[in-house]
């Protein structure tokens, strides 16, 4: 299994050493920030920094833009701006030589309209199918954000089941904040899961605590169904201390070797 961490560019060399010590790959988090995406000089500097570390990037991933990204918007200005950021994220991944990019569902969960939900599923299926066809060498992982259930992400994933470079990024901490139990998220989405995000919280707020320090029952990581497609796993915490704590918990609990 590919295990990933989030590096800190300010201490990139130290994080490269840490990743080598623990057998970890990277998921780059700088490139979803609007201030970075608006600064081509900073993008070039960050890419040059990471490529200069002397490590392989082939199994790394990029967290793509997600702030206000709505690829299914009925407003063409918003839709076109979202498309621009999506393609910008993919271009950065291509320059880094990363294997994939994570994007969020970002649908309006408070919009209780069947027609909106149907249109969302249809337009997202079409959009991400087109993106995958245009960028066949990059995997696209669509992540549950604060979706109240796995239904809509599952509909998109079912529609794109035959697209080889599309998959679900199942964020178990986000799922824990929904009204649907994590095992039910796994049951509905497992066959599409290609990437997983884990961190801990209190069931009320997305805190990104060290794994094992919150309220989530991590026995779900024993699910053979969840790992049926050998997905990669990001320990999505910031800082070396939280990463080391998470690794200790996962190893001591027998969830990773």
C-alpha atoms as a PDB file:
ATOM      1  CA  UNK A   1       0.000   0.000   0.000  1.00  0.00           C
ATOM      2  CA  UNK A   2       1.198   3.506  -0.830  1.00  0.00           C
ATOM      3  CA  UNK A   3       1.295   5.648   2.329  1.00  0.00           C
ATOM      4  CA  UNK A   4       1.461   9.429   2.005  1.00  0.00           C
ATOM      5  CA  UNK A   5       2.123  12.460   4.148  1.00  0.00           C
ATOM      6  CA  UNK A   6       1.786  16.209   3.656  1.00  0.00           C
ATOM      7  CA  UNK A   7       5.224  17.828   3.327  1.00  0.00           C
ATOM      8  CA  UNK A   8       6.057  21.343   4.459  1.00  0.00           C
ATOM      9  CA  UNK A   9       7.903  23.263   1.783  1.00  0.00           C
ATOM     10  CA  UNK A  10       9.652  25.425   4.405  1.00  0.00           C
ATOM     11  CA  UNK A  11      11.481  22.277   5.574  1.00  0.00           C
ATOM     12  CA  UNK A  12      11.352  20.289   2.355  1.00  0.00           C
ATOM     13  CA  UNK A  13      14.664  18.470   2.810  1.00  0.00           C
ATOM     14  CA  UNK A  14      13.756  17.346   6.331  1.00  0.00           C
ATOM     15  CA  UNK A  15      10.418  16.065   5.064  1.00  0.00           C
ATOM     16  CA  UNK A  16      12.143  14.178   2.252  1.00  0.00           C
ATOM     17  CA  UNK A  17      14.311  12.466   4.875  1.00  0.00           C
ATOM     18  CA  UNK A  18      11.270  11.715   7.013  1.00  0.00           C
ATOM     19  CA  UNK A  19       9.410  10.273   4.029  1.00  0.00           C
ATOM     20  CA  UNK A  20      12.369   8.048   3.181  1.00  0.00           C
ATOM     21  CA  UNK A  21      12.660   6.837   6.783  1.00  0.00           C
ATOM     22  CA  UNK A  22       9.013   5.787   6.984  1.00  0.00           C
ATOM     23  CA  UNK A  23       8.495   4.781   3.345  1.00  0.00           C
ATOM     24  CA  UNK A  24       6.071   7.617   2.612  1.00  0.00           C
ATOM     25  CA  UNK A  25       5.107   9.483  -0.540  1.00  0.00           C
ATOM     26  CA  UNK A  26       3.869  13.081  -0.673  1.00  0.00           C
ATOM     27  CA  UNK A  27       0.520  14.745  -1.215  1.00  0.00           C
ATOM     28  CA  UNK A  28       1.332  18.380  -1.961  1.00  0.00           C
ATOM     29  CA  UNK A  29      -1.031  20.833  -0.262  1.00  0.00           C
ATOM     30  CA  UNK A  30       0.396  24.181  -1.316  1.00  0.00           C
ATOM     31  CA  UNK A  31      -1.213  24.103  -4.735  1.00  0.00           C
ATOM     32  CA  UNK A  32      -4.850  24.335  -3.647  1.00  0.00           C
ATOM     33  CA  UNK A  33      -4.280  27.769  -2.135  1.00  0.00           C
ATOM     34  CA  UNK A  34      -5.652  30.655  -4.259  1.00  0.00           C
ATOM     35  CA  UNK A  35      -2.716  32.901  -3.347  1.00  0.00           C
ATOM     36  CA  UNK A  36      -0.311  30.331  -4.757  1.00  0.00           C
ATOM     37  CA  UNK A  37      -2.389  29.633  -7.840  1.00  0.00           C
ATOM     38  CA  UNK A  38      -2.443  33.363  -8.596  1.00  0.00           C
ATOM     39  CA  UNK A  39       1.362  33.579  -8.443  1.00  0.00           C
ATOM     40  CA  UNK A  40       3.127  31.791 -11.316  1.00  0.00           C
ATOM     41  CA  UNK A  41       6.534  32.664  -9.881  1.00  0.00           C
ATOM     42  CA  UNK A  42       5.692  30.937  -6.607  1.00  0.00           C
ATOM     43  CA  UNK A  43       4.298  27.924  -8.465  1.00  0.00           C
ATOM     44  CA  UNK A  44       7.566  27.628 -10.417  1.00  0.00           C
ATOM     45  CA  UNK A  45       9.629  27.979  -7.241  1.00  0.00           C
ATOM     46  CA  UNK A  46       7.664  25.308  -5.386  1.00  0.00           C
ATOM     47  CA  UNK A  47       7.826  22.864  -8.271  1.00  0.00           C
ATOM     48  CA  UNK A  48      11.557  23.483  -8.650  1.00  0.00           C
ATOM     49  CA  UNK A  49      12.015  22.997  -4.892  1.00  0.00           C
ATOM     50  CA  UNK A  50      10.191  19.674  -4.795  1.00  0.00           C
ATOM     51  CA  UNK A  51      11.790  18.341  -7.971  1.00  0.00           C
ATOM     52  CA  UNK A  52      15.198  19.264  -6.567  1.00  0.00           C
ATOM     53  CA  UNK A  53      14.914  16.968  -3.556  1.00  0.00           C
ATOM     54  CA  UNK A  54      16.330  14.001  -5.449  1.00  0.00           C
ATOM     55  CA  UNK A  55      13.405  11.686  -4.692  1.00  0.00           C
ATOM     56  CA  UNK A  56      10.913  10.050  -7.036  1.00  0.00           C
ATOM     57  CA  UNK A  57       7.602  11.882  -7.396  1.00  0.00           C
ATOM     58  CA  UNK A  58       5.946   9.151  -9.451  1.00  0.00           C
ATOM     59  CA  UNK A  59       3.703   7.948  -6.613  1.00  0.00           C
ATOM     60  CA  UNK A  60       2.941  11.405  -5.203  1.00  0.00           C
ATOM     61  CA  UNK A  61      -0.395  13.187  -5.441  1.00  0.00           C
ATOM     62  CA  UNK A  62      -1.489  16.818  -5.552  1.00  0.00           C
ATOM     63  CA  UNK A  63      -4.452  18.237  -3.679  1.00  0.00           C
ATOM     64  CA  UNK A  64      -6.120  20.335  -6.349  1.00  0.00           C
ATOM     65  CA  UNK A  65      -7.965  23.612  -6.001  1.00  0.00           C
ATOM     66  CA  UNK A  66     -11.209  23.380  -4.041  1.00  0.00           C
ATOM     67  CA  UNK A  67     -12.079  26.797  -2.616  1.00  0.00           C
ATOM     68  CA  UNK A  68     -15.318  27.849  -4.366  1.00  0.00           C
ATOM     69  CA  UNK A  69     -14.759  25.328  -7.172  1.00  0.00           C
ATOM     70  CA  UNK A  70     -18.111  24.456  -8.774  1.00  0.00           C
ATOM     71  CA  UNK A  71     -17.603  22.713 -12.096  1.00  0.00           C
ATOM     72  CA  UNK A  72     -21.350  22.112 -12.431  1.00  0.00           C
ATOM     73  CA  UNK A  73     -22.421  25.705 -11.838  1.00  0.00           C
ATOM     74  CA  UNK A  74     -25.234  27.026 -14.010  1.00  0.00           C
ATOM     75  CA  UNK A  75     -23.363  30.349 -14.059  1.00  0.00           C
ATOM     76  CA  UNK A  76     -20.854  30.177 -16.950  1.00  0.00           C
ATOM     77  CA  UNK A  77     -18.462  32.621 -15.282  1.00  0.00           C
ATOM     78  CA  UNK A  78     -18.195  30.445 -12.172  1.00  0.00           C
ATOM     79  CA  UNK A  79     -18.081  27.267 -14.226  1.00  0.00           C
ATOM     80  CA  UNK A  80     -15.283  28.604 -16.444  1.00  0.00           C
ATOM     81  CA  UNK A  81     -13.265  29.882 -13.473  1.00  0.00           C
ATOM     82  CA  UNK A  82     -13.618  26.484 -11.801  1.00  0.00           C
ATOM     83  CA  UNK A  83     -12.533  24.713 -14.956  1.00  0.00           C
ATOM     84  CA  UNK A  84      -9.492  26.985 -15.159  1.00  0.00           C
ATOM     85  CA  UNK A  85      -8.409  26.083 -11.617  1.00  0.00           C
ATOM     86  CA  UNK A  86      -8.998  22.362 -12.202  1.00  0.00           C
ATOM     87  CA  UNK A  87      -6.842  22.365 -15.320  1.00  0.00           C
ATOM     88  CA  UNK A  88      -4.222  24.481 -13.574  1.00  0.00           C
ATOM     89  CA  UNK A  89      -4.046  21.877 -10.781  1.00  0.00           C
ATOM     90  CA  UNK A  90      -3.647  19.066 -13.294  1.00  0.00           C
ATOM     91  CA  UNK A  91      -0.904  20.949 -15.134  1.00  0.00           C
ATOM     92  CA  UNK A  92       0.991  21.343 -11.851  1.00  0.00           C
ATOM     93  CA  UNK A  93       0.664  17.607 -11.194  1.00  0.00           C
ATOM     94  CA  UNK A  94       1.971  16.868 -14.667  1.00  0.00           C
ATOM     95  CA  UNK A  95       4.960  19.142 -14.126  1.00  0.00           C
ATOM     96  CA  UNK A  96       5.702  17.435 -10.813  1.00  0.00           C
ATOM     97  CA  UNK A  97       5.359  13.990 -12.368  1.00  0.00           C
ATOM     98  CA  UNK A  98       2.702  13.095  -9.776  1.00  0.00           C
ATOM     99  CA  UNK A  99       0.301  10.227 -10.403  1.00  0.00           C
ATOM    100  CA  UNK A 100      -2.922  11.963  -9.446  1.00  0.00           C
ATOM    101  CA  UNK A 101      -4.895  14.988  -8.288  1.00  0.00           C
ATOM    102  CA  UNK A 102      -7.577  15.166  -5.585  1.00  0.00           C
ATOM    103  CA  UNK A 103     -10.630  17.377  -6.077  1.00  0.00           C
ATOM    104  CA  UNK A 104     -13.707  17.895  -3.880  1.00  0.00           C
ATOM    105  CA  UNK A 105     -17.354  17.245  -4.689  1.00  0.00           C
ATOM    106  CA  UNK A 106     -18.288  20.775  -3.525  1.00  0.00           C
ATOM    107  CA  UNK A 107     -22.010  20.456  -4.086  1.00  0.00           C
ATOM    108  CA  UNK A 108     -24.530  22.513  -2.125  1.00  0.00           C
ATOM    109  CA  UNK A 109     -25.633  19.998   0.466  1.00  0.00           C
ATOM    110  CA  UNK A 110     -28.243  22.406   1.871  1.00  0.00           C
ATOM    111  CA  UNK A 111     -29.986  22.676  -1.495  1.00  0.00           C
ATOM    112  CA  UNK A 112     -32.786  20.136  -0.945  1.00  0.00           C
ATOM    113  CA  UNK A 113     -33.913  19.802  -4.527  1.00  0.00           C
ATOM    114  CA  UNK A 114     -34.094  16.564  -6.484  1.00  0.00           C
ATOM    115  CA  UNK A 115     -33.638  18.404  -9.772  1.00  0.00           C
ATOM    116  CA  UNK A 116     -30.473  20.109  -8.473  1.00  0.00           C
ATOM    117  CA  UNK A 117     -29.043  16.807  -7.247  1.00  0.00           C
ATOM    118  CA  UNK A 118     -29.844  15.046 -10.521  1.00  0.00           C
ATOM    119  CA  UNK A 119     -28.294  17.863 -12.543  1.00  0.00           C
ATOM    120  CA  UNK A 120     -25.244  17.883 -10.267  1.00  0.00           C
ATOM    121  CA  UNK A 121     -24.637  14.163 -10.726  1.00  0.00           C
ATOM    122  CA  UNK A 122     -25.141  14.348 -14.484  1.00  0.00           C
ATOM    123  CA  UNK A 123     -22.946  17.405 -15.060  1.00  0.00           C
ATOM    124  CA  UNK A 124     -20.162  16.170 -12.764  1.00  0.00           C
ATOM    125  CA  UNK A 125     -20.141  12.796 -14.486  1.00  0.00           C
ATOM    126  CA  UNK A 126     -19.813  14.498 -17.837  1.00  0.00           C
ATOM    127  CA  UNK A 127     -17.206  17.022 -16.681  1.00  0.00           C
ATOM    128  CA  UNK A 128     -14.887  14.585 -14.909  1.00  0.00           C
ATOM    129  CA  UNK A 129     -15.252  12.060 -17.704  1.00  0.00           C
ATOM    130  CA  UNK A 130     -14.077  14.708 -20.175  1.00  0.00           C
ATOM    131  CA  UNK A 131     -11.199  15.730 -17.883  1.00  0.00           C
ATOM    132  CA  UNK A 132     -10.056  12.130 -17.512  1.00  0.00           C
ATOM    133  CA  UNK A 133     -10.176  11.613 -21.281  1.00  0.00           C
ATOM    134  CA  UNK A 134      -8.076  14.726 -21.867  1.00  0.00           C
ATOM    135  CA  UNK A 135      -5.469  13.791 -19.234  1.00  0.00           C
ATOM    136  CA  UNK A 136      -5.125  10.021 -19.442  1.00  0.00           C
ATOM    137  CA  UNK A 137      -1.772   9.930 -17.643  1.00  0.00           C
ATOM    138  CA  UNK A 138      -3.149  11.589 -14.490  1.00  0.00           C
ATOM    139  CA  UNK A 139      -5.519   9.937 -12.037  1.00  0.00           C
ATOM    140  CA  UNK A 140      -8.454  12.053 -10.892  1.00  0.00           C
ATOM    141  CA  UNK A 141      -9.715  11.370  -7.368  1.00  0.00           C
ATOM    142  CA  UNK A 142     -13.032  12.948  -6.351  1.00  0.00           C
ATOM    143  CA  UNK A 143     -13.272  13.417  -2.575  1.00  0.00           C
ATOM    144  CA  UNK A 144     -16.320  13.669  -0.343  1.00  0.00           C
ATOM    145  CA  UNK A 145     -16.252  17.062   1.366  1.00  0.00           C
ATOM    146  CA  UNK A 146     -19.145  17.684   3.745  1.00  0.00           C
ATOM    147  CA  UNK A 147     -21.557  15.518   1.753  1.00  0.00           C
ATOM    148  CA  UNK A 148     -24.368  14.348   3.988  1.00  0.00           C
ATOM    149  CA  UNK A 149     -24.334  10.898   2.357  1.00  0.00           C
ATOM    150  CA  UNK A 150     -22.369   8.882  -0.225  1.00  0.00           C
ATOM    151  CA  UNK A 151     -25.262   8.932  -2.682  1.00  0.00           C
ATOM    152  CA  UNK A 152     -24.215  11.617  -5.174  1.00  0.00           C
ATOM    153  CA  UNK A 153     -20.524  10.744  -5.197  1.00  0.00           C
ATOM    154  CA  UNK A 154     -21.580   7.134  -5.691  1.00  0.00           C
ATOM    155  CA  UNK A 155     -23.752   8.097  -8.672  1.00  0.00           C
ATOM    156  CA  UNK A 156     -20.861   9.922 -10.334  1.00  0.00           C
ATOM    157  CA  UNK A 157     -18.489   7.043  -9.628  1.00  0.00           C
ATOM    158  CA  UNK A 158     -20.959   4.518 -11.027  1.00  0.00           C
ATOM    159  CA  UNK A 159     -21.300   6.593 -14.189  1.00  0.00           C
ATOM    160  CA  UNK A 160     -17.498   6.703 -14.564  1.00  0.00           C
ATOM    161  CA  UNK A 161     -16.874   3.104 -13.546  1.00  0.00           C
ATOM    162  CA  UNK A 162     -15.200   2.237 -16.852  1.00  0.00           C
ATOM    163  CA  UNK A 163     -12.925   5.304 -16.845  1.00  0.00           C
ATOM    164  CA  UNK A 164      -9.522   3.899 -15.832  1.00  0.00           C
ATOM    165  CA  UNK A 165      -8.051   7.105 -14.398  1.00  0.00           C
ATOM    166  CA  UNK A 166     -11.055   8.120 -12.276  1.00  0.00           C
ATOM    167  CA  UNK A 167     -11.623   7.069  -8.688  1.00  0.00           C
ATOM    168  CA  UNK A 168     -13.066   8.110  -5.363  1.00  0.00           C
ATOM    169  CA  UNK A 169     -10.953   9.647  -2.615  1.00  0.00           C
ATOM    170  CA  UNK A 170     -12.815   8.573   0.514  1.00  0.00           C
ATOM    171  CA  UNK A 171     -12.118  10.989   3.355  1.00  0.00           C
ATOM    172  CA  UNK A 172     -13.071   8.990   6.441  1.00  0.00           C
ATOM    173  CA  UNK A 173     -12.921  12.016   8.738  1.00  0.00           C
ATOM    174  CA  UNK A 174     -15.377  13.914   6.516  1.00  0.00           C
ATOM    175  CA  UNK A 175     -17.619  10.841   6.394  1.00  0.00           C
ATOM    176  CA  UNK A 176     -17.586  10.708  10.208  1.00  0.00           C
ATOM    177  CA  UNK A 177     -19.069  14.212  10.283  1.00  0.00           C
ATOM    178  CA  UNK A 178     -22.045  13.153   8.162  1.00  0.00           C
ATOM    179  CA  UNK A 179     -25.298  11.513   9.250  1.00  0.00           C
ATOM    180  CA  UNK A 180     -24.244   8.225   7.629  1.00  0.00           C
ATOM    181  CA  UNK A 181     -22.015   5.744   9.470  1.00  0.00           C
ATOM    182  CA  UNK A 182     -18.552   5.161   8.023  1.00  0.00           C
ATOM    183  CA  UNK A 183     -19.242   1.447   7.313  1.00  0.00           C
ATOM    184  CA  UNK A 184     -22.157   2.524   5.100  1.00  0.00           C
ATOM    185  CA  UNK A 185     -19.897   4.941   3.202  1.00  0.00           C
ATOM    186  CA  UNK A 186     -17.499   2.051   2.654  1.00  0.00           C
ATOM    187  CA  UNK A 187     -20.255  -0.323   1.550  1.00  0.00           C
ATOM    188  CA  UNK A 188     -21.542   2.112  -1.062  1.00  0.00           C
ATOM    189  CA  UNK A 189     -18.234   3.427  -2.403  1.00  0.00           C
ATOM    190  CA  UNK A 190     -15.627   0.707  -1.807  1.00  0.00           C
ATOM    191  CA  UNK A 191     -15.520  -0.593  -5.362  1.00  0.00           C
ATOM    192  CA  UNK A 192     -14.601   2.908  -6.571  1.00  0.00           C
ATOM    193  CA  UNK A 193     -12.128   3.906  -3.831  1.00  0.00           C
ATOM    194  CA  UNK A 194      -8.613   4.493  -5.173  1.00  0.00           C
ATOM    195  CA  UNK A 195      -7.333   6.911  -2.529  1.00  0.00           C
ATOM    196  CA  UNK A 196      -8.129   7.472   1.180  1.00  0.00           C
ATOM    197  CA  UNK A 197      -7.641  10.426   3.541  1.00  0.00           C
ATOM    198  CA  UNK A 198      -7.453   9.846   7.286  1.00  0.00           C
ATOM    199  CA  UNK A 199      -7.218  12.138  10.308  1.00  0.00           C
ATOM    200  CA  UNK A 200      -9.237  12.388  13.508  1.00  0.00           C
ATOM    201  CA  UNK A 201     -11.907  14.675  14.929  1.00  0.00           C
ATOM    202  CA  UNK A 202     -14.550  14.935  17.646  1.00  0.00           C
ATOM    203  CA  UNK A 203     -17.562  14.218  15.443  1.00  0.00           C
ATOM    204  CA  UNK A 204     -18.496  17.888  15.283  1.00  0.00           C
ATOM    205  CA  UNK A 205     -15.655  19.724  13.540  1.00  0.00           C
ATOM    206  CA  UNK A 206     -13.060  18.870  10.877  1.00  0.00           C
ATOM    207  CA  UNK A 207     -10.068  19.177  13.221  1.00  0.00           C
ATOM    208  CA  UNK A 208      -7.385  17.160  11.404  1.00  0.00           C
ATOM    209  CA  UNK A 209      -6.080  15.710  14.655  1.00  0.00           C
ATOM    210  CA  UNK A 210      -3.549  12.900  14.768  1.00  0.00           C
ATOM    211  CA  UNK A 211      -5.114   9.543  13.938  1.00  0.00           C
ATOM    212  CA  UNK A 212      -6.163   7.849  17.172  1.00  0.00           C
ATOM    213  CA  UNK A 213      -6.542  11.068  19.167  1.00  0.00           C
ATOM    214  CA  UNK A 214     -10.217  11.721  18.420  1.00  0.00           C
ATOM    215  CA  UNK A 215     -13.548   9.916  18.326  1.00  0.00           C
ATOM    216  CA  UNK A 216     -13.329   7.882  15.108  1.00  0.00           C
ATOM    217  CA  UNK A 217     -13.398   4.077  15.419  1.00  0.00           C
ATOM    218  CA  UNK A 218     -10.424   3.163  13.256  1.00  0.00           C
ATOM    219  CA  UNK A 219     -11.299  -0.525  13.165  1.00  0.00           C
ATOM    220  CA  UNK A 220     -12.819   0.404   9.790  1.00  0.00           C
ATOM    221  CA  UNK A 221      -9.242   0.222   8.473  1.00  0.00           C
ATOM    222  CA  UNK A 222      -9.503  -3.547   8.889  1.00  0.00           C
ATOM    223  CA  UNK A 223     -12.195  -3.618   6.204  1.00  0.00           C
ATOM    224  CA  UNK A 224     -11.106  -5.812   3.308  1.00  0.00           C
ATOM    225  CA  UNK A 225     -13.872  -4.224   1.242  1.00  0.00           C
ATOM    226  CA  UNK A 226     -12.356  -0.754   1.716  1.00  0.00           C
ATOM    227  CA  UNK A 227      -8.991  -1.932   0.406  1.00  0.00           C
ATOM    228  CA  UNK A 228     -10.283  -4.167  -2.382  1.00  0.00           C
ATOM    229  CA  UNK A 229      -8.652  -1.957  -5.034  1.00  0.00           C
ATOM    230  CA  UNK A 230      -5.422  -1.394  -3.066  1.00  0.00           C
ATOM    231  CA  UNK A 231      -6.005   2.348  -2.604  1.00  0.00           C
ATOM    232  CA  UNK A 232      -3.276   4.701  -1.455  1.00  0.00           C
ATOM    233  CA  UNK A 233      -3.632   6.202   2.025  1.00  0.00           C
ATOM    234  CA  UNK A 234      -2.823   9.781   3.042  1.00  0.00           C
ATOM    235  CA  UNK A 235      -2.278  10.531   6.725  1.00  0.00           C
ATOM    236  CA  UNK A 236      -3.772  13.991   6.332  1.00  0.00           C
ATOM    237  CA  UNK A 237      -2.302  15.830   9.293  1.00  0.00           C
ATOM    238  CA  UNK A 238       0.034  18.789   9.484  1.00  0.00           C
ATOM    239  CA  UNK A 239       3.353  18.775  11.284  1.00  0.00           C
ATOM    240  CA  UNK A 240       5.892  16.117  12.145  1.00  0.00           C
ATOM    241  CA  UNK A 241       4.529  15.499  15.649  1.00  0.00           C
ATOM    242  CA  UNK A 242       1.005  14.650  14.441  1.00  0.00           C
ATOM    243  CA  UNK A 243       2.412  12.486  11.662  1.00  0.00           C
ATOM    244  CA  UNK A 244       4.644  10.495  14.015  1.00  0.00           C
ATOM    245  CA  UNK A 245       1.778  10.097  16.501  1.00  0.00           C
ATOM    246  CA  UNK A 246      -0.505   8.846  13.735  1.00  0.00           C
ATOM    247  CA  UNK A 247       2.096   6.386  12.471  1.00  0.00           C
ATOM    248  CA  UNK A 248       2.664   5.023  15.982  1.00  0.00           C
ATOM    249  CA  UNK A 249      -1.064   4.545  16.507  1.00  0.00           C
ATOM    250  CA  UNK A 250      -1.584   2.870  13.147  1.00  0.00           C
ATOM    251  CA  UNK A 251       1.361   0.506  13.642  1.00  0.00           C
ATOM    252  CA  UNK A 252       0.609  -0.306  17.286  1.00  0.00           C
ATOM    253  CA  UNK A 253      -3.017  -1.033  16.332  1.00  0.00           C
ATOM    254  CA  UNK A 254      -1.947  -3.303  13.478  1.00  0.00           C
ATOM    255  CA  UNK A 255      -3.520  -1.187  10.767  1.00  0.00           C
ATOM    256  CA  UNK A 256      -0.217  -0.760   8.920  1.00  0.00           C
ATOM    257  CA  UNK A 257       2.995  -2.759   9.085  1.00  0.00           C
END
